[in-house]
């Protein structure tokens, strides 16, 4: 008498599937997003995040340059 685990029961009921990283809907395993809207939303978010990271890096380098200038000016 072997009882299947709850994971096995879910696999039998729903079959293999993935979830959309944006909205969380179940979808086939070969797809990365459930809809074009979610794909566009994901890529838009990625562009904003990349732009923000680039700005932060430039700001940090600028601040370090200013600190080094003051360090050598007043020492």
PDB file of N, CA and C in Angstrom:
ATOM      1  N   UNK A   1       0.837  -1.187   0.000  1.00  0.00           N
ATOM      2  CA  UNK A   1       0.000   0.000   0.000  1.00  0.00           C
ATOM      3  C   UNK A   1       0.878   1.244   0.000  1.00  0.00           C
ATOM      4  N   UNK A   2       1.168   1.740  -1.153  1.00  0.00           N
ATOM      5  CA  UNK A   2       1.968   2.960  -1.222  1.00  0.00           C
ATOM      6  C   UNK A   2       1.045   4.147  -1.498  1.00  0.00           C
ATOM      7  N   UNK A   3       1.154   5.130  -0.679  1.00  0.00           N
ATOM      8  CA  UNK A   3       0.368   6.333  -0.876  1.00  0.00           C
ATOM      9  C   UNK A   3       1.239   7.367  -1.560  1.00  0.00           C
ATOM     10  N   UNK A   4       0.675   8.011  -2.554  1.00  0.00           N
ATOM     11  CA  UNK A   4       1.458   9.034  -3.242  1.00  0.00           C
ATOM     12  C   UNK A   4       1.458  10.321  -2.423  1.00  0.00           C
ATOM     13  N   UNK A   5       2.527  11.055  -2.572  1.00  0.00           N
ATOM     14  CA  UNK A   5       2.647  12.309  -1.834  1.00  0.00           C
ATOM     15  C   UNK A   5       1.745  13.361  -2.475  1.00  0.00           C
ATOM     16  N   UNK A   6       1.595  14.457  -1.806  1.00  0.00           N
ATOM     17  CA  UNK A   6       0.738  15.527  -2.338  1.00  0.00           C
ATOM     18  C   UNK A   6       1.331  16.107  -3.609  1.00  0.00           C
ATOM     19  N   UNK A   7       2.665  16.100  -3.734  1.00  0.00           N
ATOM     20  CA  UNK A   7       3.292  16.597  -4.963  1.00  0.00           C
ATOM     21  C   UNK A   7       2.943  15.697  -6.146  1.00  0.00           C
ATOM     22  N   UNK A   8       2.956  14.398  -5.921  1.00  0.00           N
ATOM     23  CA  UNK A   8       2.582  13.461  -6.981  1.00  0.00           C
ATOM     24  C   UNK A   8       1.122  13.644  -7.385  1.00  0.00           C
ATOM     25  N   UNK A   9       0.272  13.897  -6.406  1.00  0.00           N
ATOM     26  CA  UNK A   9      -1.141  14.115  -6.704  1.00  0.00           C
ATOM     27  C   UNK A   9      -1.336  15.367  -7.539  1.00  0.00           C
ATOM     28  N   UNK A  10      -0.585  16.424  -7.219  1.00  0.00           N
ATOM     29  CA  UNK A  10      -0.689  17.668  -7.990  1.00  0.00           C
ATOM     30  C   UNK A  10      -0.176  17.451  -9.410  1.00  0.00           C
ATOM     31  N   UNK A  11       0.930  16.726  -9.553  1.00  0.00           N
ATOM     32  CA  UNK A  11       1.479  16.450 -10.884  1.00  0.00           C
ATOM     33  C   UNK A  11       0.495  15.670 -11.734  1.00  0.00           C
ATOM     34  N   UNK A  12      -0.193  14.699 -11.122  1.00  0.00           N
ATOM     35  CA  UNK A  12      -1.191  13.926 -11.864  1.00  0.00           C
ATOM     36  C   UNK A  12      -2.349  14.813 -12.299  1.00  0.00           C
ATOM     37  N   UNK A  13      -2.764  15.703 -11.417  1.00  0.00           N
ATOM     38  CA  UNK A  13      -3.934  16.540 -11.705  1.00  0.00           C
ATOM     39  C   UNK A  13      -3.637  17.601 -12.748  1.00  0.00           C
ATOM     40  N   UNK A  14      -2.510  18.309 -12.627  1.00  0.00           N
ATOM     41  CA  UNK A  14      -2.222  19.448 -13.492  1.00  0.00           C
ATOM     42  C   UNK A  14      -1.220  19.150 -14.588  1.00  0.00           C
ATOM     43  N   UNK A  15      -0.428  18.149 -14.459  1.00  0.00           N
ATOM     44  CA  UNK A  15       0.588  17.844 -15.446  1.00  0.00           C
ATOM     45  C   UNK A  15       1.756  18.807 -15.324  1.00  0.00           C
ATOM     46  N   UNK A  16       2.762  18.632 -16.167  1.00  0.00           N
ATOM     47  CA  UNK A  16       3.915  19.532 -16.085  1.00  0.00           C
ATOM     48  C   UNK A  16       3.545  20.935 -16.552  1.00  0.00           C
ATOM     49  N   UNK A  17       3.930  21.922 -15.762  1.00  0.00           N
ATOM     50  CA  UNK A  17       3.641  23.310 -16.119  1.00  0.00           C
ATOM     51  C   UNK A  17       4.596  24.246 -15.379  1.00  0.00           C
ATOM     52  N   UNK A  18       4.693  25.461 -15.858  1.00  0.00           N
ATOM     53  CA  UNK A  18       5.447  26.532 -15.206  1.00  0.00           C
ATOM     54  C   UNK A  18       4.475  27.635 -14.842  1.00  0.00           C
ATOM     55  N   UNK A  19       4.973  28.615 -14.110  1.00  0.00           N
ATOM     56  CA  UNK A  19       4.157  29.769 -13.764  1.00  0.00           C
ATOM     57  C   UNK A  19       4.784  31.024 -14.353  1.00  0.00           C
ATOM     58  N   UNK A  20       3.950  31.933 -14.817  1.00  0.00           N
ATOM     59  CA  UNK A  20       4.403  33.198 -15.393  1.00  0.00           C
ATOM     60  C   UNK A  20       5.126  34.005 -14.307  1.00  0.00           C
ATOM     61  N   UNK A  21       6.326  34.541 -14.604  1.00  0.00           N
ATOM     62  CA  UNK A  21       7.052  35.305 -13.581  1.00  0.00           C
ATOM     63  C   UNK A  21       6.397  36.643 -13.237  1.00  0.00           C
ATOM     64  N   UNK A  22       5.494  37.128 -14.075  1.00  0.00           N
ATOM     65  CA  UNK A  22       4.833  38.410 -13.828  1.00  0.00           C
ATOM     66  C   UNK A  22       3.532  38.226 -13.064  1.00  0.00           C
ATOM     67  N   UNK A  23       2.619  37.441 -13.605  1.00  0.00           N
ATOM     68  CA  UNK A  23       1.287  37.333 -12.988  1.00  0.00           C
ATOM     69  C   UNK A  23       1.071  36.037 -12.218  1.00  0.00           C
ATOM     70  N   UNK A  24       1.918  35.028 -12.412  1.00  0.00           N
ATOM     71  CA  UNK A  24       1.809  33.788 -11.656  1.00  0.00           C
ATOM     72  C   UNK A  24       0.836  32.770 -12.214  1.00  0.00           C
ATOM     73  N   UNK A  25       0.261  33.014 -13.392  1.00  0.00           N
ATOM     74  CA  UNK A  25      -0.674  32.060 -13.983  1.00  0.00           C
ATOM     75  C   UNK A  25       0.070  30.813 -14.455  1.00  0.00           C
ATOM     76  N   UNK A  26      -0.604  29.674 -14.387  1.00  0.00           N
ATOM     77  CA  UNK A  26      -0.023  28.429 -14.887  1.00  0.00           C
ATOM     78  C   UNK A  26      -0.006  28.467 -16.413  1.00  0.00           C
ATOM     79  N   UNK A  27       1.050  27.880 -16.998  1.00  0.00           N
ATOM     80  CA  UNK A  27       1.190  27.880 -18.459  1.00  0.00           C
ATOM     81  C   UNK A  27       2.018  26.662 -18.856  1.00  0.00           C
ATOM     82  N   UNK A  28       2.058  26.335 -20.151  1.00  0.00           N
ATOM     83  CA  UNK A  28       2.857  25.193 -20.596  1.00  0.00           C
ATOM     84  C   UNK A  28       4.343  25.401 -20.306  1.00  0.00           C
ATOM     85  N   UNK A  29       5.071  24.307 -20.189  1.00  0.00           N
ATOM     86  CA  UNK A  29       6.486  24.388 -19.826  1.00  0.00           C
ATOM     87  C   UNK A  29       7.347  25.035 -20.894  1.00  0.00           C
ATOM     88  N   UNK A  30       6.950  24.965 -22.150  1.00  0.00           N
ATOM     89  CA  UNK A  30       7.790  25.521 -23.213  1.00  0.00           C
ATOM     90  C   UNK A  30       7.676  27.038 -23.349  1.00  0.00           C
ATOM     91  N   UNK A  31       6.711  27.646 -22.688  1.00  0.00           N
ATOM     92  CA  UNK A  31       6.547  29.102 -22.760  1.00  0.00           C
ATOM     93  C   UNK A  31       7.237  29.772 -21.573  1.00  0.00           C
ATOM     94  N   UNK A  32       7.749  30.972 -21.813  1.00  0.00           N
ATOM     95  CA  UNK A  32       8.401  31.725 -20.746  1.00  0.00           C
ATOM     96  C   UNK A  32       7.417  32.692 -20.075  1.00  0.00           C
ATOM     97  N   UNK A  33       6.457  33.216 -20.848  1.00  0.00           N
ATOM     98  CA  UNK A  33       5.446  34.143 -20.338  1.00  0.00           C
ATOM     99  C   UNK A  33       4.077  33.676 -20.806  1.00  0.00           C
ATOM    100  N   UNK A  34       3.032  34.051 -20.067  1.00  0.00           N
ATOM    101  CA  UNK A  34       1.687  33.593 -20.433  1.00  0.00           C
ATOM    102  C   UNK A  34       1.074  34.426 -21.555  1.00  0.00           C
ATOM    103  N   UNK A  35       1.499  35.685 -21.697  1.00  0.00           N
ATOM    104  CA  UNK A  35       0.924  36.546 -22.730  1.00  0.00           C
ATOM    105  C   UNK A  35       1.944  37.584 -23.185  1.00  0.00           C
ATOM    106  N   UNK A  36       1.625  38.235 -24.289  1.00  0.00           N
ATOM    107  CA  UNK A  36       2.501  39.290 -24.800  1.00  0.00           C
ATOM    108  C   UNK A  36       2.539  40.471 -23.828  1.00  0.00           C
ATOM    109  N   UNK A  37       1.429  40.727 -23.158  1.00  0.00           N
ATOM    110  CA  UNK A  37       1.376  41.811 -22.173  1.00  0.00           C
ATOM    111  C   UNK A  37       2.368  41.565 -21.035  1.00  0.00           C
ATOM    112  N   UNK A  38       2.420  40.338 -20.530  1.00  0.00           N
ATOM    113  CA  UNK A  38       3.365  40.006 -19.468  1.00  0.00           C
ATOM    114  C   UNK A  38       4.803  40.094 -19.976  1.00  0.00           C
ATOM    115  N   UNK A  39       5.043  39.681 -21.216  1.00  0.00           N
ATOM    116  CA  UNK A  39       6.386  39.764 -21.793  1.00  0.00           C
ATOM    117  C   UNK A  39       6.830  41.224 -21.886  1.00  0.00           C
ATOM    118  N   UNK A  40       5.948  42.090 -22.386  1.00  0.00           N
ATOM    119  CA  UNK A  40       6.269  43.512 -22.506  1.00  0.00           C
ATOM    120  C   UNK A  40       6.507  44.140 -21.134  1.00  0.00           C
ATOM    121  N   UNK A  41       5.677  43.763 -20.177  1.00  0.00           N
ATOM    122  CA  UNK A  41       5.812  44.272 -18.811  1.00  0.00           C
ATOM    123  C   UNK A  41       7.169  43.866 -18.231  1.00  0.00           C
ATOM    124  N   UNK A  42       7.562  42.617 -18.434  1.00  0.00           N
ATOM    125  CA  UNK A  42       8.836  42.109 -17.927  1.00  0.00           C
ATOM    126  C   UNK A  42      10.011  42.857 -18.552  1.00  0.00           C
ATOM    127  N   UNK A  43       9.987  43.008 -19.875  1.00  0.00           N
ATOM    128  CA  UNK A  43      11.097  43.682 -20.548  1.00  0.00           C
ATOM    129  C   UNK A  43      11.155  45.168 -20.180  1.00  0.00           C
ATOM    130  N   UNK A  44      10.020  45.800 -19.986  1.00  0.00           N
ATOM    131  CA  UNK A  44       9.990  47.193 -19.548  1.00  0.00           C
ATOM    132  C   UNK A  44      10.589  47.349 -18.161  1.00  0.00           C
ATOM    133  N   UNK A  45      10.244  46.435 -17.280  1.00  0.00           N
ATOM    134  CA  UNK A  45      10.791  46.459 -15.925  1.00  0.00           C
ATOM    135  C   UNK A  45      12.302  46.227 -15.948  1.00  0.00           C
ATOM    136  N   UNK A  46      12.756  45.312 -16.789  1.00  0.00           N
ATOM    137  CA  UNK A  46      14.188  45.033 -16.895  1.00  0.00           C
ATOM    138  C   UNK A  46      14.958  46.254 -17.398  1.00  0.00           C
ATOM    139  N   UNK A  47      14.387  46.971 -18.383  1.00  0.00           N
ATOM    140  CA  UNK A  47      15.041  48.178 -18.896  1.00  0.00           C
ATOM    141  C   UNK A  47      15.152  49.244 -17.810  1.00  0.00           C
ATOM    142  N   UNK A  48      14.075  49.435 -17.040  1.00  0.00           N
ATOM    143  CA  UNK A  48      14.093  50.416 -15.957  1.00  0.00           C
ATOM    144  C   UNK A  48      15.123  50.043 -14.902  1.00  0.00           C
ATOM    145  N   UNK A  49      15.194  48.756 -14.561  1.00  0.00           N
ATOM    146  CA  UNK A  49      16.130  48.311 -13.544  1.00  0.00           C
ATOM    147  C   UNK A  49      17.575  48.478 -14.023  1.00  0.00           C
ATOM    148  N   UNK A  50      17.818  48.194 -15.291  1.00  0.00           N
ATOM    149  CA  UNK A  50      19.166  48.354 -15.830  1.00  0.00           C
ATOM    150  C   UNK A  50      19.579  49.828 -15.837  1.00  0.00           C
ATOM    151  N   UNK A  51      18.646  50.696 -16.205  1.00  0.00           N
ATOM    152  CA  UNK A  51      18.918  52.136 -16.220  1.00  0.00           C
ATOM    153  C   UNK A  51      19.205  52.642 -14.802  1.00  0.00           C
ATOM    154  N   UNK A  52      18.435  52.172 -13.839  1.00  0.00           N
ATOM    155  CA  UNK A  52      18.621  52.568 -12.446  1.00  0.00           C
ATOM    156  C   UNK A  52      19.979  52.099 -11.930  1.00  0.00           C
ATOM    157  N   UNK A  53      20.362  50.874 -12.250  1.00  0.00           N
ATOM    158  CA  UNK A  53      21.652  50.343 -11.811  1.00  0.00           C
ATOM    159  C   UNK A  53      22.802  51.139 -12.417  1.00  0.00           C
ATOM    160  N   UNK A  54      22.675  51.489 -13.675  1.00  0.00           N
ATOM    161  CA  UNK A  54      23.710  52.274 -14.346  1.00  0.00           C
ATOM    162  C   UNK A  54      23.846  53.647 -13.681  1.00  0.00           C
ATOM    163  N   UNK A  55      22.723  54.289 -13.381  1.00  0.00           N
ATOM    164  CA  UNK A  55      22.741  55.588 -12.719  1.00  0.00           C
ATOM    165  C   UNK A  55      23.402  55.489 -11.346  1.00  0.00           C
ATOM    166  N   UNK A  56      23.069  54.451 -10.573  1.00  0.00           N
ATOM    167  CA  UNK A  56      23.659  54.273  -9.248  1.00  0.00           C
ATOM    168  C   UNK A  56      25.164  54.080  -9.333  1.00  0.00           C
ATOM    169  N   UNK A  57      25.619  53.325 -10.322  1.00  0.00           N
ATOM    170  CA  UNK A  57      27.052  53.092 -10.470  1.00  0.00           C
ATOM    171  C   UNK A  57      27.777  54.392 -10.827  1.00  0.00           C
ATOM    172  N   UNK A  58      27.222  55.164 -11.740  1.00  0.00           N
ATOM    173  CA  UNK A  58      27.823  56.448 -12.120  1.00  0.00           C
ATOM    174  C   UNK A  58      27.855  57.388 -10.920  1.00  0.00           C
ATOM    175  N   UNK A  59      26.784  57.423 -10.154  1.00  0.00           N
ATOM    176  CA  UNK A  59      26.716  58.265  -8.962  1.00  0.00           C
ATOM    177  C   UNK A  59      27.787  57.873  -7.947  1.00  0.00           C
ATOM    178  N   UNK A  60      27.946  56.571  -7.717  1.00  0.00           N
ATOM    179  CA  UNK A  60      28.950  56.100  -6.746  1.00  0.00           C
ATOM    180  C   UNK A  60      30.368  56.450  -7.202  1.00  0.00           C
ATOM    181  N   UNK A  61      30.651  56.268  -8.472  1.00  0.00           N
ATOM    182  CA  UNK A  61      31.974  56.608  -8.988  1.00  0.00           C
ATOM    183  C   UNK A  61      32.206  58.112  -8.862  1.00  0.00           C
ATOM    184  N   UNK A  62      31.199  58.900  -9.158  1.00  0.00           N
ATOM    185  CA  UNK A  62      31.303  60.353  -9.019  1.00  0.00           C
ATOM    186  C   UNK A  62      31.562  60.770  -7.581  1.00  0.00           C
ATOM    187  N   UNK A  63      30.853  60.162  -6.657  1.00  0.00           N
ATOM    188  CA  UNK A  63      31.050  60.483  -5.241  1.00  0.00           C
ATOM    189  C   UNK A  63      32.456  60.095  -4.780  1.00  0.00           C
ATOM    190  N   UNK A  64      32.943  58.960  -5.243  1.00  0.00           N
ATOM    191  CA  UNK A  64      34.302  58.553  -4.874  1.00  0.00           C
ATOM    192  C   UNK A  64      35.324  59.535  -5.428  1.00  0.00           C
ATOM    193  N   UNK A  65      35.111  60.004  -6.651  1.00  0.00           N
ATOM    194  CA  UNK A  65      36.024  60.978  -7.248  1.00  0.00           C
ATOM    195  C   UNK A  65      36.041  62.270  -6.428  1.00  0.00           C
ATOM    196  N   UNK A  66      34.856  62.731  -6.023  1.00  0.00           N
ATOM    197  CA  UNK A  66      34.773  63.940  -5.200  1.00  0.00           C
ATOM    198  C   UNK A  66      35.476  63.729  -3.863  1.00  0.00           C
ATOM    199  N   UNK A  67      35.289  62.584  -3.237  1.00  0.00           N
ATOM    200  CA  UNK A  67      35.942  62.300  -1.958  1.00  0.00           C
ATOM    201  C   UNK A  67      37.464  62.270  -2.103  1.00  0.00           C
ATOM    202  N   UNK A  68      37.958  61.684  -3.170  1.00  0.00           N
ATOM    203  CA  UNK A  68      39.414  61.658  -3.391  1.00  0.00           C
ATOM    204  C   UNK A  68      39.969  63.064  -3.620  1.00  0.00           C
ATOM    205  N   UNK A  69      39.228  63.882  -4.337  1.00  0.00           N
ATOM    206  CA  UNK A  69      39.672  65.265  -4.555  1.00  0.00           C
ATOM    207  C   UNK A  69      39.778  65.988  -3.226  1.00  0.00           C
ATOM    208  N   UNK A  70      38.750  65.893  -2.396  1.00  0.00           N
ATOM    209  CA  UNK A  70      38.788  66.546  -1.081  1.00  0.00           C
ATOM    210  C   UNK A  70      39.862  65.955  -0.191  1.00  0.00           C
ATOM    211  N   UNK A  71      40.090  64.666  -0.288  1.00  0.00           N
ATOM    212  CA  UNK A  71      41.110  64.018   0.526  1.00  0.00           C
ATOM    213  C   UNK A  71      42.493  64.589   0.209  1.00  0.00           C
ATOM    214  N   UNK A  72      42.796  64.750  -1.064  1.00  0.00           N
ATOM    215  CA  UNK A  72      44.112  65.241  -1.443  1.00  0.00           C
ATOM    216  C   UNK A  72      44.229  66.769  -1.382  1.00  0.00           C
ATOM    217  N   UNK A  73      43.098  67.473  -1.456  1.00  0.00           N
ATOM    218  CA  UNK A  73      43.132  68.922  -1.350  1.00  0.00           C
ATOM    219  C   UNK A  73      43.436  69.390   0.063  1.00  0.00           C
ATOM    220  N   UNK A  74      42.858  68.730   1.046  1.00  0.00           N
ATOM    221  CA  UNK A  74      42.957  69.200   2.422  1.00  0.00           C
ATOM    222  C   UNK A  74      43.938  68.382   3.272  1.00  0.00           C
ATOM    223  N   UNK A  75      44.774  67.577   2.658  1.00  0.00           N
ATOM    224  CA  UNK A  75      45.713  66.803   3.484  1.00  0.00           C
ATOM    225  C   UNK A  75      47.111  67.365   3.439  1.00  0.00           C
TER     226      UNK A  75
END
